């Protein structure tokens, strides 16, 4: 729609305290989304 805003890459998501990050196709096989951060997000945030 004409007024749409979209989250930028690496932006924080205040709803569930995660970040917009890139993932590979292979990572989708081990990726689960629930009310806790998954290992990929945890590792990314810890390093940053």
ModelCIF file with pLDDT and N, C-alpha, C, O atoms, coordinates in Angstrom:
data_MODEL
#
_entry.id   MODEL 
#
_entity.id                         1 
_entity.type                       polymer 
_entity.pdbx_number_of_molecules   1 
#
_entity_poly.entity_id                      1 
_entity_poly.type                           'polypeptide(L)' 
_entity_poly.nstd_linkage                   no 
_entity_poly.nstd_monomer                   no 
_entity_poly.pdbx_seq_one_letter_code       
;(UNK)(UNK)(UNK)(UNK)(UNK)(UNK)(UNK)(UNK)(UNK)(UNK)(UNK)(UNK)(UNK)(UNK)(UNK)(UNK)
(UNK)(UNK)(UNK)(UNK)(UNK)(UNK)(UNK)(UNK)(UNK)(UNK)(UNK)(UNK)(UNK)(UNK)(UNK)(UNK)
(UNK)(UNK)(UNK)(UNK)(UNK)(UNK)(UNK)(UNK)(UNK)(UNK)(UNK)(UNK)(UNK)(UNK)(UNK)(UNK)
;
_entity_poly.pdbx_seq_one_letter_code_can   XXXXXXXXXXXXXXXXXXXXXXXXXXXXXXXXXXXXXXXXXXXXXXXX 
_entity_poly.pdbx_strand_id                 A 
#
loop_
_entity_poly_seq.entity_id 
_entity_poly_seq.num 
_entity_poly_seq.mon_id 
_entity_poly_seq.hetero 
1 1  UNK n 
1 2  UNK n 
1 3  UNK n 
1 4  UNK n 
1 5  UNK n 
1 6  UNK n 
1 7  UNK n 
1 8  UNK n 
1 9  UNK n 
1 10 UNK n 
1 11 UNK n 
1 12 UNK n 
1 13 UNK n 
1 14 UNK n 
1 15 UNK n 
1 16 UNK n 
1 17 UNK n 
1 18 UNK n 
1 19 UNK n 
1 20 UNK n 
1 21 UNK n 
1 22 UNK n 
1 23 UNK n 
1 24 UNK n 
1 25 UNK n 
1 26 UNK n 
1 27 UNK n 
1 28 UNK n 
1 29 UNK n 
1 30 UNK n 
1 31 UNK n 
1 32 UNK n 
1 33 UNK n 
1 34 UNK n 
1 35 UNK n 
1 36 UNK n 
1 37 UNK n 
1 38 UNK n 
1 39 UNK n 
1 40 UNK n 
1 41 UNK n 
1 42 UNK n 
1 43 UNK n 
1 44 UNK n 
1 45 UNK n 
1 46 UNK n 
1 47 UNK n 
1 48 UNK n 
#
_struct_asym.id          A 
_struct_asym.entity_id   1 
#
loop_
_ma_qa_metric.id 
_ma_qa_metric.mode 
_ma_qa_metric.name 
_ma_qa_metric.software_group_id 
_ma_qa_metric.type 
1 global pLDDT . pLDDT 
2 local  pLDDT . pLDDT 
#
_ma_qa_metric_global.metric_id      1 
_ma_qa_metric_global.metric_value   74.06 
_ma_qa_metric_global.model_id       1 
_ma_qa_metric_global.ordinal_id     1 
#
loop_
_ma_qa_metric_local.label_asym_id 
_ma_qa_metric_local.label_comp_id 
_ma_qa_metric_local.label_seq_id 
_ma_qa_metric_local.metric_id 
_ma_qa_metric_local.metric_value 
_ma_qa_metric_local.model_id 
_ma_qa_metric_local.ordinal_id 
A UNK 1  2 96.00 1 1  
A UNK 2  2 96.00 1 2  
A UNK 3  2 97.00 1 3  
A UNK 4  2 97.00 1 4  
A UNK 5  2 97.00 1 5  
A UNK 6  2 96.00 1 6  
A UNK 7  2 93.00 1 7  
A UNK 8  2 92.00 1 8  
A UNK 9  2 88.00 1 9  
A UNK 10 2 84.00 1 10 
A UNK 11 2 88.00 1 11 
A UNK 12 2 86.00 1 12 
A UNK 13 2 87.00 1 13 
A UNK 14 2 86.00 1 14 
A UNK 15 2 83.00 1 15 
A UNK 16 2 79.00 1 16 
A UNK 17 2 82.00 1 17 
A UNK 18 2 83.00 1 18 
A UNK 19 2 84.00 1 19 
A UNK 20 2 88.00 1 20 
A UNK 21 2 87.00 1 21 
A UNK 22 2 89.00 1 22 
A UNK 23 2 88.00 1 23 
A UNK 24 2 87.00 1 24 
A UNK 25 2 86.00 1 25 
A UNK 26 2 82.00 1 26 
A UNK 27 2 81.00 1 27 
A UNK 28 2 78.00 1 28 
A UNK 29 2 70.00 1 29 
A UNK 30 2 67.00 1 30 
A UNK 31 2 67.00 1 31 
A UNK 32 2 58.00 1 32 
A UNK 33 2 53.00 1 33 
A UNK 34 2 52.00 1 34 
A UNK 35 2 42.00 1 35 
A UNK 36 2 41.00 1 36 
A UNK 37 2 50.00 1 37 
A UNK 38 2 52.00 1 38 
A UNK 39 2 48.00 1 39 
A UNK 40 2 51.00 1 40 
A UNK 41 2 55.00 1 41 
A UNK 42 2 58.00 1 42 
A UNK 43 2 52.00 1 43 
A UNK 44 2 57.00 1 44 
A UNK 45 2 57.00 1 45 
A UNK 46 2 55.00 1 46 
A UNK 47 2 53.00 1 47 
A UNK 48 2 57.00 1 48 
#
loop_
_atom_site.group_PDB 
_atom_site.id 
_atom_site.type_symbol 
_atom_site.label_atom_id 
_atom_site.label_alt_id 
_atom_site.label_comp_id 
_atom_site.label_asym_id 
_atom_site.label_entity_id 
_atom_site.label_seq_id 
_atom_site.pdbx_PDB_ins_code 
_atom_site.Cartn_x 
_atom_site.Cartn_y 
_atom_site.Cartn_z 
_atom_site.occupancy 
_atom_site.B_iso_or_equiv 
_atom_site.pdbx_formal_charge 
_atom_site.auth_seq_id 
_atom_site.auth_comp_id 
_atom_site.auth_asym_id 
_atom_site.auth_atom_id 
_atom_site.pdbx_PDB_model_num 
ATOM 1   N N  . UNK A 1 1  ? 0.851  -1.188  0.000  1.00 96.00 ? 1  UNK A N  1 
ATOM 2   C CA . UNK A 1 1  ? 0.000  0.000   0.000  1.00 96.00 ? 1  UNK A CA 1 
ATOM 3   C C  . UNK A 1 1  ? 0.888  1.238   0.000  1.00 96.00 ? 1  UNK A C  1 
ATOM 4   O O  . UNK A 1 1  ? 2.062  1.153   0.358  1.00 96.00 ? 1  UNK A O  1 
ATOM 5   N N  . UNK A 1 2  ? 0.363  2.346   -0.382 1.00 96.00 ? 2  UNK A N  1 
ATOM 6   C CA . UNK A 1 2  ? 1.153  3.553   -0.641 1.00 96.00 ? 2  UNK A CA 1 
ATOM 7   C C  . UNK A 1 2  ? 1.852  4.105   0.596  1.00 96.00 ? 2  UNK A C  1 
ATOM 8   O O  . UNK A 1 2  ? 2.857  4.804   0.465  1.00 96.00 ? 2  UNK A O  1 
ATOM 9   N N  . UNK A 1 3  ? 1.353  3.813   1.780  1.00 97.00 ? 3  UNK A N  1 
ATOM 10  C CA . UNK A 1 3  ? 1.909  4.388   3.002  1.00 97.00 ? 3  UNK A CA 1 
ATOM 11  C C  . UNK A 1 3  ? 2.790  3.422   3.780  1.00 97.00 ? 3  UNK A C  1 
ATOM 12  O O  . UNK A 1 3  ? 3.196  3.731   4.900  1.00 97.00 ? 3  UNK A O  1 
ATOM 13  N N  . UNK A 1 4  ? 3.091  2.271   3.217  1.00 97.00 ? 4  UNK A N  1 
ATOM 14  C CA . UNK A 1 4  ? 3.758  1.218   3.968  1.00 97.00 ? 4  UNK A CA 1 
ATOM 15  C C  . UNK A 1 4  ? 5.191  1.579   4.361  1.00 97.00 ? 4  UNK A C  1 
ATOM 16  O O  . UNK A 1 4  ? 5.969  2.074   3.546  1.00 97.00 ? 4  UNK A O  1 
ATOM 17  N N  . UNK A 1 5  ? 5.518  1.322   5.623  1.00 97.00 ? 5  UNK A N  1 
ATOM 18  C CA . UNK A 1 5  ? 6.883  1.359   6.115  1.00 97.00 ? 5  UNK A CA 1 
ATOM 19  C C  . UNK A 1 5  ? 7.326  -0.071  6.376  1.00 97.00 ? 5  UNK A C  1 
ATOM 20  O O  . UNK A 1 5  ? 6.519  -0.908  6.781  1.00 97.00 ? 5  UNK A O  1 
ATOM 21  N N  . UNK A 1 6  ? 8.595  -0.356  6.150  1.00 96.00 ? 6  UNK A N  1 
ATOM 22  C CA . UNK A 1 6  ? 9.113  -1.700  6.363  1.00 96.00 ? 6  UNK A CA 1 
ATOM 23  C C  . UNK A 1 6  ? 10.362 -1.628  7.234  1.00 96.00 ? 6  UNK A C  1 
ATOM 24  O O  . UNK A 1 6  ? 11.161 -0.698  7.128  1.00 96.00 ? 6  UNK A O  1 
ATOM 25  N N  . UNK A 1 7  ? 10.512 -2.618  8.087  1.00 93.00 ? 7  UNK A N  1 
ATOM 26  C CA . UNK A 1 7  ? 11.658 -2.666  8.989  1.00 93.00 ? 7  UNK A CA 1 
ATOM 27  C C  . UNK A 1 7  ? 12.952 -2.772  8.184  1.00 93.00 ? 7  UNK A C  1 
ATOM 28  O O  . UNK A 1 7  ? 13.048 -3.594  7.272  1.00 93.00 ? 7  UNK A O  1 
ATOM 29  N N  . UNK A 1 8  ? 13.941 -1.951  8.514  1.00 92.00 ? 8  UNK A N  1 
ATOM 30  C CA . UNK A 1 8  ? 15.213 -2.015  7.807  1.00 92.00 ? 8  UNK A CA 1 
ATOM 31  C C  . UNK A 1 8  ? 16.018 -3.218  8.279  1.00 92.00 ? 8  UNK A C  1 
ATOM 32  O O  . UNK A 1 8  ? 15.746 -3.791  9.334  1.00 92.00 ? 8  UNK A O  1 
ATOM 33  N N  . UNK A 1 9  ? 16.987 -3.582  7.500  1.00 88.00 ? 9  UNK A N  1 
ATOM 34  C CA . UNK A 1 9  ? 17.856 -4.702  7.845  1.00 88.00 ? 9  UNK A CA 1 
ATOM 35  C C  . UNK A 1 9  ? 18.623 -4.400  9.134  1.00 88.00 ? 9  UNK A C  1 
ATOM 36  O O  . UNK A 1 9  ? 19.155 -3.305  9.311  1.00 88.00 ? 9  UNK A O  1 
ATOM 37  N N  . UNK A 1 10 ? 18.669 -5.378  10.020 1.00 84.00 ? 10 UNK A N  1 
ATOM 38  C CA . UNK A 1 10 ? 19.318 -5.300  11.332 1.00 84.00 ? 10 UNK A CA 1 
ATOM 39  C C  . UNK A 1 10 ? 18.571 -4.418  12.327 1.00 84.00 ? 10 UNK A C  1 
ATOM 40  O O  . UNK A 1 10 ? 19.110 -4.086  13.383 1.00 84.00 ? 10 UNK A O  1 
ATOM 41  N N  . UNK A 1 11 ? 17.354 -4.040  12.007 1.00 88.00 ? 11 UNK A N  1 
ATOM 42  C CA . UNK A 1 11 ? 16.559 -3.252  12.948 1.00 88.00 ? 11 UNK A CA 1 
ATOM 43  C C  . UNK A 1 11 ? 16.127 -4.108  14.129 1.00 88.00 ? 11 UNK A C  1 
ATOM 44  O O  . UNK A 1 11 ? 15.927 -5.315  13.992 1.00 88.00 ? 11 UNK A O  1 
ATOM 45  N N  . UNK A 1 12 ? 15.987 -3.485  15.271 1.00 86.00 ? 12 UNK A N  1 
ATOM 46  C CA . UNK A 1 12 ? 15.452 -4.127  16.468 1.00 86.00 ? 12 UNK A CA 1 
ATOM 47  C C  . UNK A 1 12 ? 13.946 -4.298  16.308 1.00 86.00 ? 12 UNK A C  1 
ATOM 48  O O  . UNK A 1 12 ? 13.284 -3.486  15.663 1.00 86.00 ? 12 UNK A O  1 
ATOM 49  N N  . UNK A 1 13 ? 13.411 -5.369  16.906 1.00 87.00 ? 13 UNK A N  1 
ATOM 50  C CA . UNK A 1 13 ? 11.963 -5.595  16.935 1.00 87.00 ? 13 UNK A CA 1 
ATOM 51  C C  . UNK A 1 13 ? 11.527 -5.589  18.395 1.00 87.00 ? 13 UNK A C  1 
ATOM 52  O O  . UNK A 1 13 ? 11.791 -6.536  19.136 1.00 87.00 ? 13 UNK A O  1 
ATOM 53  N N  . UNK A 1 14 ? 10.862 -4.520  18.798 1.00 86.00 ? 14 UNK A N  1 
ATOM 54  C CA . UNK A 1 14 ? 10.514 -4.345  20.206 1.00 86.00 ? 14 UNK A CA 1 
ATOM 55  C C  . UNK A 1 14 ? 9.446  -5.337  20.671 1.00 86.00 ? 14 UNK A C  1 
ATOM 56  O O  . UNK A 1 14 ? 9.305  -5.568  21.872 1.00 86.00 ? 14 UNK A O  1 
ATOM 57  N N  . UNK A 1 15 ? 8.694  -5.925  19.743 1.00 83.00 ? 15 UNK A N  1 
ATOM 58  C CA . UNK A 1 15 ? 7.628  -6.845  20.112 1.00 83.00 ? 15 UNK A CA 1 
ATOM 59  C C  . UNK A 1 15 ? 8.168  -8.082  20.826 1.00 83.00 ? 15 UNK A C  1 
ATOM 60  O O  . UNK A 1 15 ? 7.581  -8.559  21.798 1.00 83.00 ? 15 UNK A O  1 
ATOM 61  N N  . UNK A 1 16 ? 9.282  -8.589  20.334 1.00 79.00 ? 16 UNK A N  1 
ATOM 62  C CA . UNK A 1 16 ? 9.825  -9.806  20.942 1.00 79.00 ? 16 UNK A CA 1 
ATOM 63  C C  . UNK A 1 16 ? 11.331 -9.748  21.174 1.00 79.00 ? 16 UNK A C  1 
ATOM 64  O O  . UNK A 1 16 ? 11.981 -10.773 21.381 1.00 79.00 ? 16 UNK A O  1 
ATOM 65  N N  . UNK A 1 17 ? 11.879 -8.525  21.137 1.00 82.00 ? 17 UNK A N  1 
ATOM 66  C CA . UNK A 1 17 ? 13.279 -8.300  21.493 1.00 82.00 ? 17 UNK A CA 1 
ATOM 67  C C  . UNK A 1 17 ? 14.237 -9.105  20.614 1.00 82.00 ? 17 UNK A C  1 
ATOM 68  O O  . UNK A 1 17 ? 15.165 -9.746  21.107 1.00 82.00 ? 17 UNK A O  1 
ATOM 69  N N  . UNK A 1 18 ? 13.998 -9.059  19.328 1.00 83.00 ? 18 UNK A N  1 
ATOM 70  C CA . UNK A 1 18 ? 14.885 -9.692  18.366 1.00 83.00 ? 18 UNK A CA 1 
ATOM 71  C C  . UNK A 1 18 ? 15.337 -8.649  17.350 1.00 83.00 ? 18 UNK A C  1 
ATOM 72  O O  . UNK A 1 18 ? 14.932 -7.488  17.411 1.00 83.00 ? 18 UNK A O  1 
ATOM 73  N N  . UNK A 1 19 ? 16.170 -9.072  16.429 1.00 84.00 ? 19 UNK A N  1 
ATOM 74  C CA . UNK A 1 19 ? 16.657 -8.197  15.379 1.00 84.00 ? 19 UNK A CA 1 
ATOM 75  C C  . UNK A 1 19 ? 16.353 -8.814  14.014 1.00 84.00 ? 19 UNK A C  1 
ATOM 76  O O  . UNK A 1 19 ? 16.259 -10.034 13.880 1.00 84.00 ? 19 UNK A O  1 
ATOM 77  N N  . UNK A 1 20 ? 16.203 -7.973  13.025 1.00 88.00 ? 20 UNK A N  1 
ATOM 78  C CA . UNK A 1 20 ? 16.048 -8.450  11.660 1.00 88.00 ? 20 UNK A CA 1 
ATOM 79  C C  . UNK A 1 20 ? 17.415 -8.855  11.139 1.00 88.00 ? 20 UNK A C  1 
ATOM 80  O O  . UNK A 1 20 ? 18.289 -8.008  10.952 1.00 88.00 ? 20 UNK A O  1 
ATOM 81  N N  . UNK A 1 21 ? 17.605 -10.148 10.905 1.00 87.00 ? 21 UNK A N  1 
ATOM 82  C CA . UNK A 1 21 ? 18.913 -10.660 10.509 1.00 87.00 ? 21 UNK A CA 1 
ATOM 83  C C  . UNK A 1 21 ? 18.785 -11.576 9.296  1.00 87.00 ? 21 UNK A C  1 
ATOM 84  O O  . UNK A 1 21 ? 17.721 -12.148 9.064  1.00 87.00 ? 21 UNK A O  1 
ATOM 85  N N  . UNK A 1 22 ? 19.859 -11.720 8.520  1.00 89.00 ? 22 UNK A N  1 
ATOM 86  C CA . UNK A 1 22 ? 19.826 -12.619 7.366  1.00 89.00 ? 22 UNK A CA 1 
ATOM 87  C C  . UNK A 1 22 ? 19.949 -14.070 7.813  1.00 89.00 ? 22 UNK A C  1 
ATOM 88  O O  . UNK A 1 22 ? 20.649 -14.373 8.779  1.00 89.00 ? 22 UNK A O  1 
ATOM 89  N N  . UNK A 1 23 ? 19.273 -14.955 7.113  1.00 88.00 ? 23 UNK A N  1 
ATOM 90  C CA . UNK A 1 23 ? 19.400 -16.388 7.357  1.00 88.00 ? 23 UNK A CA 1 
ATOM 91  C C  . UNK A 1 23 ? 19.587 -17.083 6.015  1.00 88.00 ? 23 UNK A C  1 
ATOM 92  O O  . UNK A 1 23 ? 19.141 -16.589 4.980  1.00 88.00 ? 23 UNK A O  1 
ATOM 93  N N  . UNK A 1 24 ? 20.247 -18.225 6.043  1.00 87.00 ? 24 UNK A N  1 
ATOM 94  C CA . UNK A 1 24 ? 20.426 -19.008 4.824  1.00 87.00 ? 24 UNK A CA 1 
ATOM 95  C C  . UNK A 1 24 ? 19.278 -19.991 4.666  1.00 87.00 ? 24 UNK A C  1 
ATOM 96  O O  . UNK A 1 24 ? 18.515 -20.226 5.603  1.00 87.00 ? 24 UNK A O  1 
ATOM 97  N N  . UNK A 1 25 ? 19.164 -20.551 3.495  1.00 86.00 ? 25 UNK A N  1 
ATOM 98  C CA . UNK A 1 25 ? 18.120 -21.554 3.257  1.00 86.00 ? 25 UNK A CA 1 
ATOM 99  C C  . UNK A 1 25 ? 18.325 -22.750 4.168  1.00 86.00 ? 25 UNK A C  1 
ATOM 100 O O  . UNK A 1 25 ? 17.359 -23.288 4.709  1.00 86.00 ? 25 UNK A O  1 
ATOM 101 N N  . UNK A 1 26 ? 19.573 -23.176 4.345  1.00 82.00 ? 26 UNK A N  1 
ATOM 102 C CA . UNK A 1 26 ? 19.862 -24.326 5.201  1.00 82.00 ? 26 UNK A CA 1 
ATOM 103 C C  . UNK A 1 26 ? 19.450 -24.076 6.648  1.00 82.00 ? 26 UNK A C  1 
ATOM 104 O O  . UNK A 1 26 ? 19.025 -25.001 7.340  1.00 82.00 ? 26 UNK A O  1 
ATOM 105 N N  . UNK A 1 27 ? 19.573 -22.847 7.103  1.00 81.00 ? 27 UNK A N  1 
ATOM 106 C CA . UNK A 1 27 ? 19.240 -22.530 8.485  1.00 81.00 ? 27 UNK A CA 1 
ATOM 107 C C  . UNK A 1 27 ? 17.753 -22.679 8.772  1.00 81.00 ? 27 UNK A C  1 
ATOM 108 O O  . UNK A 1 27 ? 17.363 -22.851 9.927  1.00 81.00 ? 27 UNK A O  1 
ATOM 109 N N  . UNK A 1 28 ? 16.911 -22.617 7.734  1.00 78.00 ? 28 UNK A N  1 
ATOM 110 C CA . UNK A 1 28 ? 15.469 -22.754 7.941  1.00 78.00 ? 28 UNK A CA 1 
ATOM 111 C C  . UNK A 1 28 ? 15.104 -24.123 8.505  1.00 78.00 ? 28 UNK A C  1 
ATOM 112 O O  . UNK A 1 28 ? 14.093 -24.259 9.194  1.00 78.00 ? 28 UNK A O  1 
ATOM 113 N N  . UNK A 1 29 ? 15.921 -25.142 8.219  1.00 70.00 ? 29 UNK A N  1 
ATOM 114 C CA . UNK A 1 29 ? 15.631 -26.485 8.715  1.00 70.00 ? 29 UNK A CA 1 
ATOM 115 C C  . UNK A 1 29 ? 15.767 -26.578 10.231 1.00 70.00 ? 29 UNK A C  1 
ATOM 116 O O  . UNK A 1 29 ? 15.148 -27.440 10.855 1.00 70.00 ? 29 UNK A O  1 
ATOM 117 N N  . UNK A 1 30 ? 16.576 -25.692 10.833 1.00 67.00 ? 30 UNK A N  1 
ATOM 118 C CA . UNK A 1 30 ? 16.787 -25.729 12.272 1.00 67.00 ? 30 UNK A CA 1 
ATOM 119 C C  . UNK A 1 30 ? 16.170 -24.521 12.969 1.00 67.00 ? 30 UNK A C  1 
ATOM 120 O O  . UNK A 1 30 ? 16.367 -24.310 14.165 1.00 67.00 ? 30 UNK A O  1 
ATOM 121 N N  . UNK A 1 31 ? 15.434 -23.744 12.214 1.00 67.00 ? 31 UNK A N  1 
ATOM 122 C CA . UNK A 1 31 ? 14.907 -22.485 12.711 1.00 67.00 ? 31 UNK A CA 1 
ATOM 123 C C  . UNK A 1 31 ? 13.497 -22.703 13.241 1.00 67.00 ? 31 UNK A C  1 
ATOM 124 O O  . UNK A 1 31 ? 12.638 -23.219 12.527 1.00 67.00 ? 31 UNK A O  1 
ATOM 125 N N  . UNK A 1 32 ? 13.255 -22.315 14.485 1.00 58.00 ? 32 UNK A N  1 
ATOM 126 C CA . UNK A 1 32 ? 11.910 -22.331 15.036 1.00 58.00 ? 32 UNK A CA 1 
ATOM 127 C C  . UNK A 1 32 ? 11.619 -20.967 15.614 1.00 58.00 ? 32 UNK A C  1 
ATOM 128 O O  . UNK A 1 32 ? 12.505 -20.309 16.161 1.00 58.00 ? 32 UNK A O  1 
ATOM 129 N N  . UNK A 1 33 ? 10.386 -20.547 15.491 1.00 53.00 ? 33 UNK A N  1 
ATOM 130 C CA . UNK A 1 33 ? 9.982  -19.250 16.031 1.00 53.00 ? 33 UNK A CA 1 
ATOM 131 C C  . UNK A 1 33 ? 8.988  -19.484 17.155 1.00 53.00 ? 33 UNK A C  1 
ATOM 132 O O  . UNK A 1 33 ? 7.902  -20.020 16.932 1.00 53.00 ? 33 UNK A O  1 
ATOM 133 N N  . UNK A 1 34 ? 9.361  -19.082 18.365 1.00 52.00 ? 34 UNK A N  1 
ATOM 134 C CA . UNK A 1 34 ? 8.451  -19.191 19.492 1.00 52.00 ? 34 UNK A CA 1 
ATOM 135 C C  . UNK A 1 34 ? 8.629  -17.971 20.372 1.00 52.00 ? 34 UNK A C  1 
ATOM 136 O O  . UNK A 1 34 ? 9.125  -16.946 19.903 1.00 52.00 ? 34 UNK A O  1 
ATOM 137 N N  . UNK A 1 35 ? 8.242  -18.052 21.629 1.00 42.00 ? 35 UNK A N  1 
ATOM 138 C CA . UNK A 1 35 ? 8.300  -16.865 22.464 1.00 42.00 ? 35 UNK A CA 1 
ATOM 139 C C  . UNK A 1 35 ? 9.686  -16.629 23.060 1.00 42.00 ? 35 UNK A C  1 
ATOM 140 O O  . UNK A 1 35 ? 9.849  -15.758 23.913 1.00 42.00 ? 35 UNK A O  1 
ATOM 141 N N  . UNK A 1 36 ? 10.680 -17.392 22.622 1.00 41.00 ? 36 UNK A N  1 
ATOM 142 C CA . UNK A 1 36 ? 12.057 -17.169 23.058 1.00 41.00 ? 36 UNK A CA 1 
ATOM 143 C C  . UNK A 1 36 ? 12.953 -17.014 21.841 1.00 41.00 ? 36 UNK A C  1 
ATOM 144 O O  . UNK A 1 36 ? 12.642 -17.510 20.758 1.00 41.00 ? 36 UNK A O  1 
ATOM 145 N N  . UNK A 1 37 ? 14.058 -16.326 22.029 1.00 50.00 ? 37 UNK A N  1 
ATOM 146 C CA . UNK A 1 37 ? 14.995 -16.154 20.932 1.00 50.00 ? 37 UNK A CA 1 
ATOM 147 C C  . UNK A 1 37 ? 15.624 -17.501 20.604 1.00 50.00 ? 37 UNK A C  1 
ATOM 148 O O  . UNK A 1 37 ? 15.948 -18.263 21.515 1.00 50.00 ? 37 UNK A O  1 
ATOM 149 N N  . UNK A 1 38 ? 15.804 -17.810 19.328 1.00 52.00 ? 38 UNK A N  1 
ATOM 150 C CA . UNK A 1 38 ? 16.466 -19.051 18.956 1.00 52.00 ? 38 UNK A CA 1 
ATOM 151 C C  . UNK A 1 38 ? 17.977 -18.866 18.988 1.00 52.00 ? 38 UNK A C  1 
ATOM 152 O O  . UNK A 1 38 ? 18.476 -17.763 19.212 1.00 52.00 ? 38 UNK A O  1 
ATOM 153 N N  . UNK A 1 39 ? 18.695 -19.962 18.762 1.00 48.00 ? 39 UNK A N  1 
ATOM 154 C CA . UNK A 1 39 ? 20.147 -19.929 18.941 1.00 48.00 ? 39 UNK A CA 1 
ATOM 155 C C  . UNK A 1 39 ? 20.822 -18.968 17.978 1.00 48.00 ? 39 UNK A C  1 
ATOM 156 O O  . UNK A 1 39 ? 21.838 -18.367 18.324 1.00 48.00 ? 39 UNK A O  1 
ATOM 157 N N  . UNK A 1 40 ? 20.283 -18.812 16.784 1.00 51.00 ? 40 UNK A N  1 
ATOM 158 C CA . UNK A 1 40 ? 20.894 -17.908 15.806 1.00 51.00 ? 40 UNK A CA 1 
ATOM 159 C C  . UNK A 1 40 ? 20.849 -16.468 16.299 1.00 51.00 ? 40 UNK A C  1 
ATOM 160 O O  . UNK A 1 40 ? 21.848 -15.752 16.240 1.00 51.00 ? 40 UNK A O  1 
ATOM 161 N N  . UNK A 1 41 ? 19.692 -16.052 16.781 1.00 55.00 ? 41 UNK A N  1 
ATOM 162 C CA . UNK A 1 41 ? 19.537 -14.689 17.270 1.00 55.00 ? 41 UNK A CA 1 
ATOM 163 C C  . UNK A 1 41 ? 20.382 -14.455 18.515 1.00 55.00 ? 41 UNK A C  1 
ATOM 164 O O  . UNK A 1 41 ? 20.991 -13.396 18.669 1.00 55.00 ? 41 UNK A O  1 
ATOM 165 N N  . UNK A 1 42 ? 20.418 -15.446 19.403 1.00 58.00 ? 42 UNK A N  1 
ATOM 166 C CA . UNK A 1 42 ? 21.215 -15.300 20.625 1.00 58.00 ? 42 UNK A CA 1 
ATOM 167 C C  . UNK A 1 42 ? 22.692 -15.099 20.297 1.00 58.00 ? 42 UNK A C  1 
ATOM 168 O O  . UNK A 1 42 ? 23.354 -14.220 20.849 1.00 58.00 ? 42 UNK A O  1 
ATOM 169 N N  . UNK A 1 43 ? 23.188 -15.925 19.395 1.00 52.00 ? 43 UNK A N  1 
ATOM 170 C CA . UNK A 1 43 ? 24.592 -15.823 19.036 1.00 52.00 ? 43 UNK A CA 1 
ATOM 171 C C  . UNK A 1 43 ? 24.905 -14.465 18.417 1.00 52.00 ? 43 UNK A C  1 
ATOM 172 O O  . UNK A 1 43 ? 25.912 -13.840 18.749 1.00 52.00 ? 43 UNK A O  1 
ATOM 173 N N  . UNK A 1 44 ? 24.044 -14.019 17.526 1.00 57.00 ? 44 UNK A N  1 
ATOM 174 C CA . UNK A 1 44 ? 24.224 -12.728 16.869 1.00 57.00 ? 44 UNK A CA 1 
ATOM 175 C C  . UNK A 1 44 ? 24.275 -11.595 17.893 1.00 57.00 ? 44 UNK A C  1 
ATOM 176 O O  . UNK A 1 44 ? 25.163 -10.744 17.836 1.00 57.00 ? 44 UNK A O  1 
ATOM 177 N N  . UNK A 1 45 ? 23.335 -11.582 18.816 1.00 57.00 ? 45 UNK A N  1 
ATOM 178 C CA . UNK A 1 45 ? 23.255 -10.512 19.804 1.00 57.00 ? 45 UNK A CA 1 
ATOM 179 C C  . UNK A 1 45 ? 24.428 -10.552 20.771 1.00 57.00 ? 45 UNK A C  1 
ATOM 180 O O  . UNK A 1 45 ? 24.949 -9.507  21.162 1.00 57.00 ? 45 UNK A O  1 
ATOM 181 N N  . UNK A 1 46 ? 24.848 -11.760 21.160 1.00 55.00 ? 46 UNK A N  1 
ATOM 182 C CA . UNK A 1 46 ? 25.977 -11.884 22.076 1.00 55.00 ? 46 UNK A CA 1 
ATOM 183 C C  . UNK A 1 46 ? 27.248 -11.299 21.470 1.00 55.00 ? 46 UNK A C  1 
ATOM 184 O O  . UNK A 1 46 ? 27.996 -10.589 22.142 1.00 55.00 ? 46 UNK A O  1 
ATOM 185 N N  . UNK A 1 47 ? 27.490 -11.605 20.185 1.00 53.00 ? 47 UNK A N  1 
ATOM 186 C CA . UNK A 1 47 ? 28.697 -11.095 19.533 1.00 53.00 ? 47 UNK A CA 1 
ATOM 187 C C  . UNK A 1 47 ? 28.650 -9.569  19.404 1.00 53.00 ? 47 UNK A C  1 
ATOM 188 O O  . UNK A 1 47 ? 29.653 -8.898  19.650 1.00 53.00 ? 47 UNK A O  1 
ATOM 189 N N  . UNK A 1 48 ? 27.506 -9.023  19.026 1.00 57.00 ? 48 UNK A N  1 
ATOM 190 C CA . UNK A 1 48 ? 27.381 -7.578  18.869 1.00 57.00 ? 48 UNK A CA 1 
ATOM 191 C C  . UNK A 1 48 ? 27.561 -6.876  20.210 1.00 57.00 ? 48 UNK A C  1 
ATOM 192 O O  . UNK A 1 48 ? 27.489 -5.649  20.279 1.00 57.00 ? 48 UNK A O  1 
#
